[in-house]
PDB file of N, CA and C in Angstrom:
ATOM      1  N   MET A   1     -71.475 -69.819 -24.283  1.00  0.00           N
ATOM      2  CA  MET A   1     -71.419 -68.478 -23.958  1.00  0.00           C
ATOM      3  C   MET A   1     -70.239 -67.798 -24.759  1.00  0.00           C
ATOM      4  N   ALA A   2     -70.534 -66.643 -25.306  1.00  0.00           N
ATOM      5  CA  ALA A   2     -69.553 -65.911 -26.066  1.00  0.00           C
ATOM      6  C   ALA A   2     -68.795 -64.822 -25.316  1.00  0.00           C
ATOM      7  N   PHE A   3     -68.976 -64.695 -24.048  1.00  0.00           N
ATOM      8  CA  PHE A   3     -68.382 -63.606 -23.286  1.00  0.00           C
ATOM      9  C   PHE A   3     -67.058 -64.049 -22.715  1.00  0.00           C
ATOM     10  N   GLY A   4     -66.054 -63.056 -22.843  1.00  0.00           N
ATOM     11  CA  GLY A   4     -64.728 -63.415 -22.281  1.00  0.00           C
ATOM     12  C   GLY A   4     -63.828 -64.287 -23.067  1.00  0.00           C
ATOM     13  N   ILE A   5     -64.010 -64.283 -24.353  1.00  0.00           N
ATOM     14  CA  ILE A   5     -63.194 -65.169 -25.238  1.00  0.00           C
ATOM     15  C   ILE A   5     -61.863 -64.534 -25.688  1.00  0.00           C
ATOM     16  N   GLY A   6     -61.578 -63.307 -25.162  1.00  0.00           N
ATOM     17  CA  GLY A   6     -60.376 -62.649 -25.502  1.00  0.00           C
ATOM     18  C   GLY A   6     -60.227 -61.892 -26.774  1.00  0.00           C
ATOM     19  N   THR A   7     -61.305 -61.692 -27.471  1.00  0.00           N
ATOM     20  CA  THR A   7     -61.270 -60.952 -28.737  1.00  0.00           C
ATOM     21  C   THR A   7     -60.983 -59.445 -28.524  1.00  0.00           C
ATOM     22  N   ASN A   8     -61.361 -58.904 -27.417  1.00  0.00           N
ATOM     23  CA  ASN A   8     -61.096 -57.522 -27.119  1.00  0.00           C
ATOM     24  C   ASN A   8     -60.090 -57.444 -25.999  1.00  0.00           C
ATOM     25  N   ALA A   9     -59.012 -58.102 -26.139  1.00  0.00           N
ATOM     26  CA  ALA A   9     -57.934 -58.126 -25.161  1.00  0.00           C
ATOM     27  C   ALA A   9     -56.855 -57.035 -25.140  1.00  0.00           C
ATOM     28  N   SER A  10     -57.177 -55.947 -25.851  1.00  0.00           N
ATOM     29  CA  SER A  10     -56.153 -54.899 -25.981  1.00  0.00           C
ATOM     30  C   SER A  10     -56.101 -54.171 -24.610  1.00  0.00           C
ATOM     31  N   GLY A  11     -54.951 -53.408 -24.419  1.00  0.00           N
ATOM     32  CA  GLY A  11     -54.741 -52.706 -23.143  1.00  0.00           C
ATOM     33  C   GLY A  11     -55.777 -51.629 -22.878  1.00  0.00           C
ATOM     34  N   ALA A  12     -55.823 -51.194 -21.681  1.00  0.00           N
ATOM     35  CA  ALA A  12     -56.651 -50.093 -21.309  1.00  0.00           C
ATOM     36  C   ALA A  12     -56.267 -48.887 -21.978  1.00  0.00           C
ATOM     37  N   ASP A  13     -57.385 -47.994 -22.262  1.00  0.00           N
ATOM     38  CA  ASP A  13     -57.130 -46.784 -22.989  1.00  0.00           C
ATOM     39  C   ASP A  13     -57.109 -45.661 -22.051  1.00  0.00           C
ATOM     40  N   ALA A  14     -56.176 -44.673 -22.195  1.00  0.00           N
ATOM     41  CA  ALA A  14     -55.976 -43.468 -21.371  1.00  0.00           C
ATOM     42  C   ALA A  14     -56.780 -42.355 -21.778  1.00  0.00           C
ATOM     43  N   GLY A  15     -57.680 -42.521 -22.755  1.00  0.00           N
ATOM     44  CA  GLY A  15     -58.512 -41.383 -23.214  1.00  0.00           C
ATOM     45  C   GLY A  15     -57.895 -40.642 -24.247  1.00  0.00           C
ATOM     46  N   SER A  16     -57.948 -39.305 -24.150  1.00  0.00           N
ATOM     47  CA  SER A  16     -57.327 -38.433 -25.152  1.00  0.00           C
ATOM     48  C   SER A  16     -56.299 -37.489 -24.460  1.00  0.00           C
ATOM     49  N   VAL A  17     -55.308 -37.054 -25.227  1.00  0.00           N
ATOM     50  CA  VAL A  17     -54.281 -36.186 -24.751  1.00  0.00           C
ATOM     51  C   VAL A  17     -54.877 -34.764 -24.515  1.00  0.00           C
ATOM     52  N   ARG A  18     -54.597 -34.118 -23.402  1.00  0.00           N
ATOM     53  CA  ARG A  18     -55.126 -32.747 -23.183  1.00  0.00           C
ATOM     54  C   ARG A  18     -54.007 -31.795 -23.308  1.00  0.00           C
ATOM     55  N   GLY A  19     -54.356 -30.610 -23.642  1.00  0.00           N
ATOM     56  CA  GLY A  19     -53.301 -29.475 -23.713  1.00  0.00           C
ATOM     57  C   GLY A  19     -52.961 -29.181 -25.135  1.00  0.00           C
ATOM     58  N   THR A  20     -51.944 -28.391 -25.273  1.00  0.00           N
ATOM     59  CA  THR A  20     -51.441 -27.917 -26.596  1.00  0.00           C
ATOM     60  C   THR A  20     -50.284 -28.757 -27.004  1.00  0.00           C
ATOM     61  N   GLN A  21     -50.467 -29.387 -28.162  1.00  0.00           N
ATOM     62  CA  GLN A  21     -49.378 -30.339 -28.719  1.00  0.00           C
ATOM     63  C   GLN A  21     -48.693 -29.626 -29.906  1.00  0.00           C
ATOM     64  N   LYS A  22     -47.348 -29.813 -29.943  1.00  0.00           N
ATOM     65  CA  LYS A  22     -46.540 -29.367 -31.079  1.00  0.00           C
ATOM     66  C   LYS A  22     -45.586 -30.438 -31.459  1.00  0.00           C
ATOM     67  N   LYS A  23     -45.408 -30.598 -32.686  1.00  0.00           N
ATOM     68  CA  LYS A  23     -44.470 -31.624 -33.274  1.00  0.00           C
ATOM     69  C   LYS A  23     -43.006 -31.099 -32.965  1.00  0.00           C
ATOM     70  N   ILE A  24     -42.191 -32.099 -32.542  1.00  0.00           N
ATOM     71  CA  ILE A  24     -40.804 -31.753 -32.214  1.00  0.00           C
ATOM     72  C   ILE A  24     -39.873 -32.756 -32.862  1.00  0.00           C
ATOM     73  N   ALA A  25     -38.637 -32.422 -33.005  1.00  0.00           N
ATOM     74  CA  ALA A  25     -37.561 -33.414 -33.324  1.00  0.00           C
ATOM     75  C   ALA A  25     -36.861 -33.749 -31.997  1.00  0.00           C
ATOM     76  N   CYS A  26     -36.578 -34.972 -31.808  1.00  0.00           N
ATOM     77  CA  CYS A  26     -35.940 -35.376 -30.480  1.00  0.00           C
ATOM     78  C   CYS A  26     -34.896 -36.442 -30.732  1.00  0.00           C
ATOM     79  N   GLN A  27     -33.752 -36.034 -30.198  1.00  0.00           N
ATOM     80  CA  GLN A  27     -32.561 -36.967 -30.108  1.00  0.00           C
ATOM     81  C   GLN A  27     -32.657 -37.847 -28.910  1.00  0.00           C
ATOM     82  N   CYS A  28     -32.669 -39.131 -28.976  1.00  0.00           N
ATOM     83  CA  CYS A  28     -32.859 -39.971 -27.801  1.00  0.00           C
ATOM     84  C   CYS A  28     -31.746 -41.060 -27.744  1.00  0.00           C
ATOM     85  N   TRP A  29     -31.628 -41.583 -26.621  1.00  0.00           N
ATOM     86  CA  TRP A  29     -30.765 -42.764 -26.420  1.00  0.00           C
ATOM     87  C   TRP A  29     -31.602 -43.960 -26.088  1.00  0.00           C
ATOM     88  N   MET A  30     -31.259 -45.072 -26.738  1.00  0.00           N
ATOM     89  CA  MET A  30     -32.013 -46.281 -26.461  1.00  0.00           C
ATOM     90  C   MET A  30     -31.066 -47.235 -25.793  1.00  0.00           C
ATOM     91  N   THR A  31     -31.468 -47.754 -24.637  1.00  0.00           N
ATOM     92  CA  THR A  31     -30.641 -48.647 -23.814  1.00  0.00           C
ATOM     93  C   THR A  31     -30.720 -50.070 -24.420  1.00  0.00           C
ATOM     94  N   SER A  32     -29.864 -50.891 -23.904  1.00  0.00           N
ATOM     95  CA  SER A  32     -29.862 -52.311 -24.402  1.00  0.00           C
ATOM     96  C   SER A  32     -31.070 -53.089 -24.021  1.00  0.00           C
ATOM     97  N   THR A  33     -31.871 -52.561 -23.015  1.00  0.00           N
ATOM     98  CA  THR A  33     -33.125 -53.132 -22.657  1.00  0.00           C
ATOM     99  C   THR A  33     -34.321 -52.588 -23.400  1.00  0.00           C
ATOM    100  N   GLY A  34     -34.076 -51.617 -24.306  1.00  0.00           N
ATOM    101  CA  GLY A  34     -35.179 -51.065 -25.042  1.00  0.00           C
ATOM    102  C   GLY A  34     -35.815 -49.782 -24.479  1.00  0.00           C
ATOM    103  N   ARG A  35     -35.247 -49.291 -23.415  1.00  0.00           N
ATOM    104  CA  ARG A  35     -35.721 -48.069 -22.752  1.00  0.00           C
ATOM    105  C   ARG A  35     -35.309 -46.893 -23.630  1.00  0.00           C
ATOM    106  N   VAL A  36     -36.166 -45.919 -23.864  1.00  0.00           N
ATOM    107  CA  VAL A  36     -35.910 -44.729 -24.617  1.00  0.00           C
ATOM    108  C   VAL A  36     -35.779 -43.521 -23.728  1.00  0.00           C
ATOM    109  N   MET A  37     -34.629 -42.804 -23.826  1.00  0.00           N
ATOM    110  CA  MET A  37     -34.459 -41.620 -23.007  1.00  0.00           C
ATOM    111  C   MET A  37     -34.186 -40.356 -23.861  1.00  0.00           C
ATOM    112  N   PRO A  38     -34.988 -39.339 -23.746  1.00  0.00           N
ATOM    113  CA  PRO A  38     -34.784 -38.105 -24.599  1.00  0.00           C
ATOM    114  C   PRO A  38     -33.505 -37.326 -24.086  1.00  0.00           C
ATOM    115  N   LEU A  39     -32.703 -36.968 -25.007  1.00  0.00           N
ATOM    116  CA  LEU A  39     -31.470 -36.197 -24.661  1.00  0.00           C
ATOM    117  C   LEU A  39     -31.581 -34.761 -25.084  1.00  0.00           C
ATOM    118  N   MET A  40     -32.081 -34.458 -26.256  1.00  0.00           N
ATOM    119  CA  MET A  40     -32.137 -33.140 -26.865  1.00  0.00           C
ATOM    120  C   MET A  40     -33.307 -33.016 -27.773  1.00  0.00           C
ATOM    121  N   LEU A  41     -33.952 -31.826 -27.750  1.00  0.00           N
ATOM    122  CA  LEU A  41     -35.102 -31.691 -28.741  1.00  0.00           C
ATOM    123  C   LEU A  41     -34.965 -30.364 -29.482  1.00  0.00           C
ATOM    124  N   LYS A  42     -35.641 -30.276 -30.607  1.00  0.00           N
ATOM    125  CA  LYS A  42     -35.717 -29.044 -31.416  1.00  0.00           C
ATOM    126  C   LYS A  42     -37.198 -28.717 -31.623  1.00  0.00           C
ATOM    127  N   ILE A  43     -37.557 -27.442 -31.316  1.00  0.00           N
ATOM    128  CA  ILE A  43     -38.905 -27.029 -31.462  1.00  0.00           C
ATOM    129  C   ILE A  43     -38.956 -25.700 -32.179  1.00  0.00           C
ATOM    130  N   GLN A  44     -39.996 -25.534 -32.898  1.00  0.00           N
ATOM    131  CA  GLN A  44     -40.158 -24.201 -33.635  1.00  0.00           C
ATOM    132  C   GLN A  44     -40.963 -23.223 -32.742  1.00  0.00           C
ATOM    133  N   ASP A  45     -40.408 -22.047 -32.457  1.00  0.00           N
ATOM    134  CA  ASP A  45     -41.174 -21.129 -31.643  1.00  0.00           C
ATOM    135  C   ASP A  45     -42.216 -20.297 -32.361  1.00  0.00           C
ATOM    136  N   GLU A  46     -42.811 -19.255 -31.720  1.00  0.00           N
ATOM    137  CA  GLU A  46     -43.851 -18.516 -32.417  1.00  0.00           C
ATOM    138  C   GLU A  46     -43.328 -17.643 -33.509  1.00  0.00           C
ATOM    139  N   ASP A  47     -42.057 -17.343 -33.519  1.00  0.00           N
ATOM    140  CA  ASP A  47     -41.502 -16.480 -34.508  1.00  0.00           C
ATOM    141  C   ASP A  47     -40.916 -17.377 -35.728  1.00  0.00           C
ATOM    142  N   GLY A  48     -41.124 -18.579 -35.677  1.00  0.00           N
ATOM    143  CA  GLY A  48     -40.620 -19.528 -36.705  1.00  0.00           C
ATOM    144  C   GLY A  48     -39.155 -19.949 -36.512  1.00  0.00           C
ATOM    145  N   GLU A  49     -38.554 -19.482 -35.476  1.00  0.00           N
ATOM    146  CA  GLU A  49     -37.136 -19.880 -35.171  1.00  0.00           C
ATOM    147  C   GLU A  49     -37.124 -21.352 -34.551  1.00  0.00           C
ATOM    148  N   ILE A  50     -36.167 -22.104 -35.005  1.00  0.00           N
ATOM    149  CA  ILE A  50     -36.103 -23.486 -34.509  1.00  0.00           C
ATOM    150  C   ILE A  50     -34.988 -23.315 -33.220  1.00  0.00           C
ATOM    151  N   ARG A  51     -35.542 -23.725 -32.085  1.00  0.00           N
ATOM    152  CA  ARG A  51     -34.783 -23.640 -30.869  1.00  0.00           C
ATOM    153  C   ARG A  51     -34.353 -25.081 -30.464  1.00  0.00           C
ATOM    154  N   THR A  52     -33.153 -25.135 -29.879  1.00  0.00           N
ATOM    155  CA  THR A  52     -32.600 -26.402 -29.438  1.00  0.00           C
ATOM    156  C   THR A  52     -32.615 -26.341 -27.903  1.00  0.00           C
ATOM    157  N   VAL A  53     -33.134 -27.465 -27.339  1.00  0.00           N
ATOM    158  CA  VAL A  53     -33.218 -27.611 -25.908  1.00  0.00           C
ATOM    159  C   VAL A  53     -32.439 -28.798 -25.484  1.00  0.00           C
ATOM    160  N   ARG A  54     -31.378 -28.580 -24.656  1.00  0.00           N
ATOM    161  CA  ARG A  54     -30.501 -29.675 -24.239  1.00  0.00           C
ATOM    162  C   ARG A  54     -30.749 -30.008 -22.752  1.00  0.00           C
ATOM    163  N   ASP A  55     -31.258 -28.988 -22.036  1.00  0.00           N
ATOM    164  CA  ASP A  55     -31.471 -29.243 -20.586  1.00  0.00           C
ATOM    165  C   ASP A  55     -32.825 -29.863 -20.309  1.00  0.00           C
ATOM    166  N   ILE A  56     -32.887 -31.163 -20.272  1.00  0.00           N
ATOM    167  CA  ILE A  56     -34.091 -31.977 -20.086  1.00  0.00           C
ATOM    168  C   ILE A  56     -33.940 -32.793 -18.832  1.00  0.00           C
ATOM    169  N   THR A  57     -34.904 -32.590 -17.875  1.00  0.00           N
ATOM    170  CA  THR A  57     -34.894 -33.429 -16.663  1.00  0.00           C
ATOM    171  C   THR A  57     -36.191 -34.260 -16.746  1.00  0.00           C
ATOM    172  N   VAL A  58     -35.946 -35.630 -16.803  1.00  0.00           N
ATOM    173  CA  VAL A  58     -37.152 -36.589 -16.887  1.00  0.00           C
ATOM    174  C   VAL A  58     -37.478 -36.964 -15.402  1.00  0.00           C
ATOM    175  N   HIS A  59     -38.734 -36.755 -15.097  1.00  0.00           N
ATOM    176  CA  HIS A  59     -39.190 -37.109 -13.723  1.00  0.00           C
ATOM    177  C   HIS A  59     -39.697 -38.458 -13.700  1.00  0.00           C
ATOM    178  N   SER A  60     -40.450 -38.858 -14.765  1.00  0.00           N
ATOM    179  CA  SER A  60     -41.018 -40.202 -14.818  1.00  0.00           C
ATOM    180  C   SER A  60     -41.503 -40.467 -16.263  1.00  0.00           C
ATOM    181  N   GLN A  61     -41.706 -41.694 -16.481  1.00  0.00           N
ATOM    182  CA  GLN A  61     -42.177 -42.103 -17.834  1.00  0.00           C
ATOM    183  C   GLN A  61     -43.237 -43.228 -17.644  1.00  0.00           C
ATOM    184  N   GLU A  62     -44.228 -43.309 -18.581  1.00  0.00           N
ATOM    185  CA  GLU A  62     -45.341 -44.236 -18.432  1.00  0.00           C
ATOM    186  C   GLU A  62     -45.796 -44.616 -19.846  1.00  0.00           C
ATOM    187  N   LYS A  63     -46.023 -45.903 -20.025  1.00  0.00           N
ATOM    188  CA  LYS A  63     -46.587 -46.361 -21.308  1.00  0.00           C
ATOM    189  C   LYS A  63     -48.098 -46.211 -21.228  1.00  0.00           C
ATOM    190  N   LYS A  64     -48.645 -45.638 -22.259  1.00  0.00           N
ATOM    191  CA  LYS A  64     -50.131 -45.342 -22.323  1.00  0.00           C
ATOM    192  C   LYS A  64     -50.606 -45.694 -23.727  1.00  0.00           C
ATOM    193  N   ARG A  65     -51.929 -45.675 -23.766  1.00  0.00           N
ATOM    194  CA  ARG A  65     -52.674 -45.860 -25.077  1.00  0.00           C
ATOM    195  C   ARG A  65     -53.667 -44.781 -25.238  1.00  0.00           C
ATOM    196  N   TYR A  66     -53.563 -43.948 -26.312  1.00  0.00           N
ATOM    197  CA  TYR A  66     -54.554 -42.989 -26.636  1.00  0.00           C
ATOM    198  C   TYR A  66     -55.356 -43.364 -27.863  1.00  0.00           C
ATOM    199  N   ALA A  67     -56.613 -43.612 -27.705  1.00  0.00           N
ATOM    200  CA  ALA A  67     -57.484 -44.015 -28.830  1.00  0.00           C
ATOM    201  C   ALA A  67     -56.882 -45.332 -29.466  1.00  0.00           C
ATOM    202  N   GLY A  68     -56.294 -46.167 -28.600  1.00  0.00           N
ATOM    203  CA  GLY A  68     -55.787 -47.384 -29.069  1.00  0.00           C
ATOM    204  C   GLY A  68     -54.392 -47.315 -29.577  1.00  0.00           C
ATOM    205  N   ILE A  69     -53.764 -46.147 -29.679  1.00  0.00           N
ATOM    206  CA  ILE A  69     -52.412 -45.920 -30.189  1.00  0.00           C
ATOM    207  C   ILE A  69     -51.429 -45.956 -29.045  1.00  0.00           C
ATOM    208  N   PRO A  70     -50.441 -46.896 -29.081  1.00  0.00           N
ATOM    209  CA  PRO A  70     -49.449 -46.965 -27.968  1.00  0.00           C
ATOM    210  C   PRO A  70     -48.563 -45.746 -27.907  1.00  0.00           C
ATOM    211  N   SER A  71     -48.256 -45.280 -26.734  1.00  0.00           N
ATOM    212  CA  SER A  71     -47.267 -44.153 -26.656  1.00  0.00           C
ATOM    213  C   SER A  71     -46.479 -44.294 -25.287  1.00  0.00           C
ATOM    214  N   ILE A  72     -45.460 -43.569 -25.234  1.00  0.00           N
ATOM    215  CA  ILE A  72     -44.673 -43.419 -24.034  1.00  0.00           C
ATOM    216  C   ILE A  72     -44.674 -41.961 -23.633  1.00  0.00           C
ATOM    217  N   GLU A  73     -45.174 -41.683 -22.406  1.00  0.00           N
ATOM    218  CA  GLU A  73     -45.286 -40.256 -22.007  1.00  0.00           C
ATOM    219  C   GLU A  73     -44.205 -40.009 -20.934  1.00  0.00           C
ATOM    220  N   TYR A  74     -43.487 -38.961 -21.163  1.00  0.00           N
ATOM    221  CA  TYR A  74     -42.424 -38.522 -20.206  1.00  0.00           C
ATOM    222  C   TYR A  74     -42.874 -37.214 -19.518  1.00  0.00           C
ATOM    223  N   ASP A  75     -42.868 -37.239 -18.244  1.00  0.00           N
ATOM    224  CA  ASP A  75     -43.057 -36.063 -17.455  1.00  0.00           C
ATOM    225  C   ASP A  75     -41.720 -35.417 -17.253  1.00  0.00           C
ATOM    226  N   CYS A  76     -41.569 -34.189 -17.804  1.00  0.00           N
ATOM    227  CA  CYS A  76     -40.215 -33.474 -17.913  1.00  0.00           C
ATOM    228  C   CYS A  76     -40.278 -32.062 -17.427  1.00  0.00           C
ATOM    229  N   THR A  77     -39.067 -31.556 -17.140  1.00  0.00           N
ATOM    230  CA  THR A  77     -38.896 -30.150 -16.986  1.00  0.00           C
ATOM    231  C   THR A  77     -37.760 -29.691 -17.957  1.00  0.00           C
ATOM    232  N   LEU A  78     -38.117 -28.636 -18.780  1.00  0.00           N
ATOM    233  CA  LEU A  78     -37.158 -28.162 -19.736  1.00  0.00           C
ATOM    234  C   LEU A  78     -36.803 -26.724 -19.411  1.00  0.00           C
ATOM    235  N   LEU A  79     -35.587 -26.412 -19.845  1.00  0.00           N
ATOM    236  CA  LEU A  79     -35.147 -24.985 -19.645  1.00  0.00           C
ATOM    237  C   LEU A  79     -35.468 -24.253 -21.031  1.00  0.00           C
ATOM    238  N   LEU A  80     -36.525 -23.446 -21.057  1.00  0.00           N
ATOM    239  CA  LEU A  80     -36.922 -22.732 -22.290  1.00  0.00           C
ATOM    240  C   LEU A  80     -36.868 -21.238 -21.957  1.00  0.00           C
ATOM    241  N   HIS A  81     -36.161 -20.500 -22.852  1.00  0.00           N
ATOM    242  CA  HIS A  81     -36.037 -19.048 -22.673  1.00  0.00           C
ATOM    243  C   HIS A  81     -35.645 -18.603 -21.239  1.00  0.00           C
ATOM    244  N   GLY A  82     -34.754 -19.374 -20.609  1.00  0.00           N
ATOM    245  CA  GLY A  82     -34.295 -19.083 -19.227  1.00  0.00           C
ATOM    246  C   GLY A  82     -35.261 -19.466 -18.173  1.00  0.00           C
ATOM    247  N   GLN A  83     -36.290 -20.145 -18.484  1.00  0.00           N
ATOM    248  CA  GLN A  83     -37.299 -20.503 -17.415  1.00  0.00           C
ATOM    249  C   GLN A  83     -37.485 -22.026 -17.519  1.00  0.00           C
ATOM    250  N   ASN A  84     -37.648 -22.602 -16.285  1.00  0.00           N
ATOM    251  CA  ASN A  84     -38.064 -24.028 -16.207  1.00  0.00           C
ATOM    252  C   ASN A  84     -39.528 -24.152 -16.523  1.00  0.00           C
ATOM    253  N   VAL A  85     -39.835 -25.116 -17.436  1.00  0.00           N
ATOM    254  CA  VAL A  85     -41.174 -25.324 -17.983  1.00  0.00           C
ATOM    255  C   VAL A  85     -41.514 -26.821 -17.812  1.00  0.00           C
ATOM    256  N   ARG A  86     -42.575 -27.105 -17.119  1.00  0.00           N
ATOM    257  CA  ARG A  86     -42.956 -28.436 -16.995  1.00  0.00           C
ATOM    258  C   ARG A  86     -43.786 -28.941 -18.152  1.00  0.00           C
ATOM    259  N   VAL A  87     -43.400 -30.011 -18.881  1.00  0.00           N
ATOM    260  CA  VAL A  87     -44.102 -30.443 -20.013  1.00  0.00           C
ATOM    261  C   VAL A  87     -44.234 -32.004 -20.072  1.00  0.00           C
ATOM    262  N   TRP A  88     -44.937 -32.488 -20.927  1.00  0.00           N
ATOM    263  CA  TRP A  88     -44.941 -33.927 -21.304  1.00  0.00           C
ATOM    264  C   TRP A  88     -44.408 -34.077 -22.691  1.00  0.00           C
ATOM    265  N   LEU A  89     -43.422 -34.924 -22.849  1.00  0.00           N
ATOM    266  CA  LEU A  89     -42.874 -35.411 -24.101  1.00  0.00           C
ATOM    267  C   LEU A  89     -43.510 -36.713 -24.405  1.00  0.00           C
ATOM    268  N   ILE A  90     -44.184 -36.903 -25.514  1.00  0.00           N
ATOM    269  CA  ILE A  90     -44.919 -38.051 -25.864  1.00  0.00           C
ATOM    270  C   ILE A  90     -44.214 -38.689 -27.149  1.00  0.00           C
ATOM    271  N   TYR A  91     -43.895 -39.938 -27.044  1.00  0.00           N
ATOM    272  CA  TYR A  91     -43.328 -40.665 -28.179  1.00  0.00           C
ATOM    273  C   TYR A  91     -44.268 -41.706 -28.608  1.00  0.00           C
ATOM    274  N   TYR A  92     -44.568 -41.758 -29.946  1.00  0.00           N
ATOM    275  CA  TYR A  92     -45.412 -42.792 -30.505  1.00  0.00           C
ATOM    276  C   TYR A  92     -44.561 -43.712 -31.274  1.00  0.00           C
ATOM    277  N   PRO A  93     -44.218 -44.864 -30.680  1.00  0.00           N
ATOM    278  CA  PRO A  93     -43.236 -45.804 -31.277  1.00  0.00           C
ATOM    279  C   PRO A  93     -43.669 -46.412 -32.567  1.00  0.00           C
ATOM    280  N   SER A  94     -45.000 -46.607 -32.748  1.00  0.00           N
ATOM    281  CA  SER A  94     -45.475 -47.217 -34.027  1.00  0.00           C
ATOM    282  C   SER A  94     -45.345 -46.173 -35.248  1.00  0.00           C
ATOM    283  N   GLU A  95     -45.306 -44.925 -34.937  1.00  0.00           N
ATOM    284  CA  GLU A  95     -45.188 -43.945 -35.940  1.00  0.00           C
ATOM    285  C   GLU A  95     -43.799 -43.318 -35.982  1.00  0.00           C
ATOM    286  N   GLY A  96     -43.013 -43.504 -34.880  1.00  0.00           N
ATOM    287  CA  GLY A  96     -41.658 -42.954 -34.790  1.00  0.00           C
ATOM    288  C   GLY A  96     -41.637 -41.465 -34.674  1.00  0.00           C
ATOM    289  N   ARG A  97     -42.672 -40.844 -33.983  1.00  0.00           N
ATOM    290  CA  ARG A  97     -42.728 -39.415 -33.880  1.00  0.00           C
ATOM    291  C   ARG A  97     -42.841 -38.966 -32.478  1.00  0.00           C
ATOM    292  N   TRP A  98     -42.421 -37.717 -32.204  1.00  0.00           N
ATOM    293  CA  TRP A  98     -42.477 -37.108 -30.922  1.00  0.00           C
ATOM    294  C   TRP A  98     -43.324 -35.847 -31.020  1.00  0.00           C
ATOM    295  N   VAL A  99     -44.070 -35.593 -29.862  1.00  0.00           N
ATOM    296  CA  VAL A  99     -44.763 -34.278 -29.700  1.00  0.00           C
ATOM    297  C   VAL A  99     -44.483 -33.851 -28.327  1.00  0.00           C
ATOM    298  N   ILE A 100     -44.649 -32.529 -28.166  1.00  0.00           N
ATOM    299  CA  ILE A 100     -44.536 -31.929 -26.799  1.00  0.00           C
ATOM    300  C   ILE A 100     -45.919 -31.418 -26.434  1.00  0.00           C
ATOM    301  N   ASN A 101     -46.234 -31.628 -25.156  1.00  0.00           N
ATOM    302  CA  ASN A 101     -47.533 -31.173 -24.643  1.00  0.00           C
ATOM    303  C   ASN A 101     -47.290 -30.230 -23.454  1.00  0.00           C
ATOM    304  N   PHE A 102     -47.670 -28.955 -23.674  1.00  0.00           N
ATOM    305  CA  PHE A 102     -47.525 -27.974 -22.615  1.00  0.00           C
ATOM    306  C   PHE A 102     -48.676 -28.097 -21.705  1.00  0.00           C
ATOM    307  N   ARG A 103     -48.417 -27.981 -20.413  1.00  0.00           N
ATOM    308  CA  ARG A 103     -49.427 -28.179 -19.356  1.00  0.00           C
ATOM    309  C   ARG A 103     -50.159 -26.837 -19.207  1.00  0.00           C
TER     310      ARG A 103
END
């Protein structure tokens, strides 16, 4: 029998990312255990201005796979333009890049 031999043993897939994604620059702190914590990010607004966001509250983080690509998704609240905005920060460790996903 050729079933269950472990050839397709990759992790479960979370589907596709929903919402509006934008590329960001993110400064983060990596702990001695390998945990990644976002500290500050820079994002380009609609006017082309680069905004710095330092007020980041991380509510939770979860490792996921989108189309087989590993990622770490952070459920966060940011202070943008004087308002608290709930977002997902997504880190793709294999590519070393960050995106922000507005809800």
